[in-house]
Amino acid sequence: MNVIKEQQRINQLEIDKQIGGDASWHAAYADSAYVYVGGLDPRLSEGDVITIFSQYGEIVDVNLVRDKKTGKSMGFAFVCYENQKSTILAVDNISGSKVLGKTLRVDHKTGYKPPEEEVEEEEEAK
């Protein structure tokens, strides 16, 4: 919860001081269209995550991390938007929201690499 409160504090500071564009803290993540999503209720599916996050842009990839043995959600995911600007909207508007009684943590994610099995499936489709 501390990360969420810190994001909210920084966002409010940027609003108060009219900071934006390259001076915003979001600018450090301009090279990544991925966001990390934590605090997901394990009952949520990939479709549920898409429904929640597509409010802020076109989603091109969702990796809802699951336990390899049981297949159950581990409560976090990585979402990739078509446009990096959508990550800013998602981080600013969804982080701290409650879904099924759980507080979501949404943050920019740099250096994310899809799991090996996803890469293999994409290559086979070519």
Protein backbone atom coordinates (compact mmCIF):
# COMPACT_ATOMS: atom_id res chain seq x y z
CA MET A 1 0.00 0.00 0.00
CA ASN A 2 2.97 2.33 0.59
CA VAL A 3 3.89 2.23 -3.12
CA ILE A 4 0.34 3.18 -4.08
CA LYS A 5 0.30 6.08 -1.64
CA GLU A 6 3.69 7.27 -2.92
CA GLN A 7 2.44 7.16 -6.52
CA GLN A 8 -0.61 9.17 -5.52
CA ARG A 9 1.54 11.69 -3.65
CA ILE A 10 3.87 12.17 -6.62
CA ASN A 11 0.95 12.47 -9.03
CA GLN A 12 -0.67 15.14 -6.87
CA LEU A 13 2.64 17.01 -6.64
CA GLU A 14 2.93 16.97 -10.45
CA ILE A 15 -0.63 18.30 -10.76
CA ASP A 16 -0.02 21.05 -8.19
CA LYS A 17 3.21 22.15 -9.86
CA GLN A 18 1.88 21.58 -13.39
CA ILE A 19 4.65 19.13 -14.21
CA GLY A 20 4.13 16.96 -17.26
CA GLY A 21 5.70 15.52 -20.37
CA ASP A 22 9.40 14.69 -20.11
CA ALA A 23 9.58 16.11 -16.57
CA SER A 24 6.98 13.64 -15.24
CA TRP A 25 8.09 10.57 -13.30
CA HIS A 26 6.34 8.51 -15.99
CA ALA A 27 8.90 9.63 -18.58
CA ALA A 28 11.47 7.22 -17.15
CA TYR A 29 9.27 4.39 -18.47
CA ALA A 30 8.73 5.74 -21.98
CA ASP A 31 10.37 2.67 -23.55
CA SER A 32 7.96 0.12 -22.07
CA ALA A 33 4.30 -0.51 -22.82
CA TYR A 34 4.02 -3.08 -20.00
CA VAL A 35 2.51 -2.60 -16.56
CA TYR A 36 2.74 -4.86 -13.53
CA VAL A 37 -0.58 -5.59 -11.83
CA GLY A 38 -0.56 -6.93 -8.28
CA GLY A 39 -3.30 -7.70 -5.79
CA LEU A 40 -5.54 -9.55 -8.23
CA ASP A 41 -8.16 -11.84 -6.76
CA PRO A 42 -7.22 -15.40 -7.80
CA ARG A 43 -10.72 -15.92 -9.23
CA LEU A 44 -10.08 -13.35 -11.98
CA SER A 45 -9.30 -14.63 -15.48
CA GLU A 46 -7.30 -13.12 -18.31
CA GLY A 47 -10.60 -11.89 -19.77
CA ASP A 48 -11.42 -10.09 -16.52
CA VAL A 49 -8.02 -8.39 -16.53
CA ILE A 50 -8.55 -7.31 -20.15
CA THR A 51 -11.99 -5.93 -19.27
CA ILE A 52 -10.59 -3.85 -16.42
CA PHE A 53 -7.50 -2.55 -18.20
CA SER A 54 -8.89 -2.00 -21.70
CA GLN A 55 -10.60 1.15 -20.39
CA TYR A 56 -7.28 2.90 -20.89
CA GLY A 57 -6.11 1.53 -24.23
CA GLU A 58 -5.76 -1.37 -26.62
CA ILE A 59 -4.23 -4.40 -24.92
CA VAL A 60 -1.88 -6.56 -26.98
CA ASP A 61 -0.69 -9.04 -24.32
CA VAL A 62 -1.76 -10.29 -20.90
CA ASN A 63 0.27 -12.69 -18.80
CA LEU A 64 -1.77 -13.70 -15.76
CA VAL A 65 0.87 -15.59 -13.80
CA ARG A 66 -0.31 -19.02 -12.70
CA ASP A 67 1.09 -21.76 -10.48
CA LYS A 68 2.73 -24.31 -12.79
CA LYS A 69 1.37 -27.29 -10.86
CA THR A 70 -2.18 -26.20 -10.06
CA GLY A 71 -2.85 -23.66 -12.81
CA LYS A 72 -4.33 -21.27 -10.25
CA SER A 73 -3.68 -17.56 -10.52
CA MET A 74 -0.91 -16.25 -8.28
CA GLY A 75 -2.60 -12.85 -8.03
CA PHE A 76 -0.44 -10.81 -10.37
CA ALA A 77 -0.14 -10.16 -14.08
CA PHE A 78 1.71 -8.22 -16.74
CA VAL A 79 -0.34 -6.23 -19.23
CA CYS A 80 1.04 -4.77 -22.47
CA TYR A 81 -0.66 -1.89 -24.21
CA GLU A 82 -0.40 -1.03 -27.88
CA ASN A 83 0.50 2.54 -26.93
CA GLN A 84 2.86 3.40 -24.06
CA LYS A 85 0.74 6.41 -23.10
CA SER A 86 -1.97 3.98 -22.02
CA THR A 87 0.36 2.72 -19.29
CA ILE A 88 0.33 6.17 -17.71
CA LEU A 89 -3.46 6.22 -17.66
CA ALA A 90 -3.61 2.72 -16.17
CA VAL A 91 -1.02 3.44 -13.48
CA ASP A 92 -2.63 6.74 -12.51
CA ASN A 93 -6.25 5.58 -12.60
CA ILE A 94 -6.30 1.92 -11.56
CA SER A 95 -3.57 1.71 -8.92
CA GLY A 96 -5.27 1.79 -5.53
CA SER A 97 -8.65 0.70 -6.90
CA LYS A 98 -10.46 -2.19 -5.26
CA VAL A 99 -11.65 -5.18 -7.28
CA LEU A 100 -13.47 -7.97 -5.44
CA GLY A 101 -12.33 -6.43 -2.16
CA LYS A 102 -8.62 -6.44 -3.06
CA THR A 103 -6.55 -3.31 -3.67
CA LEU A 104 -4.78 -3.33 -7.02
CA ARG A 105 -1.22 -2.16 -7.39
CA VAL A 106 -0.37 -1.04 -10.91
CA ASP A 107 3.09 0.14 -11.85
CA HIS A 108 5.24 0.57 -14.94
CA LYS A 109 7.35 -2.46 -15.86
CA THR A 110 10.61 -2.16 -17.75
CA GLY A 111 12.58 -5.03 -19.23
CA TYR A 112 9.66 -7.46 -19.23
CA LYS A 113 10.14 -10.56 -21.36
CA PRO A 114 7.19 -12.85 -22.12
CA PRO A 115 7.51 -16.42 -20.85
CA GLU A 116 9.36 -18.81 -23.16
CA GLU A 117 6.21 -20.75 -24.08
CA GLU A 118 4.56 -17.57 -25.41
CA VAL A 119 7.59 -16.78 -27.56
CA GLU A 120 7.59 -20.33 -28.96
CA GLU A 121 3.86 -20.14 -29.81
CA GLU A 122 4.37 -16.84 -31.65
CA GLU A 123 7.22 -18.32 -33.69
CA GLU A 124 5.17 -21.40 -34.59
CA ALA A 125 2.32 -19.18 -35.81
CA LYS A 126 4.64 -17.47 -38.32
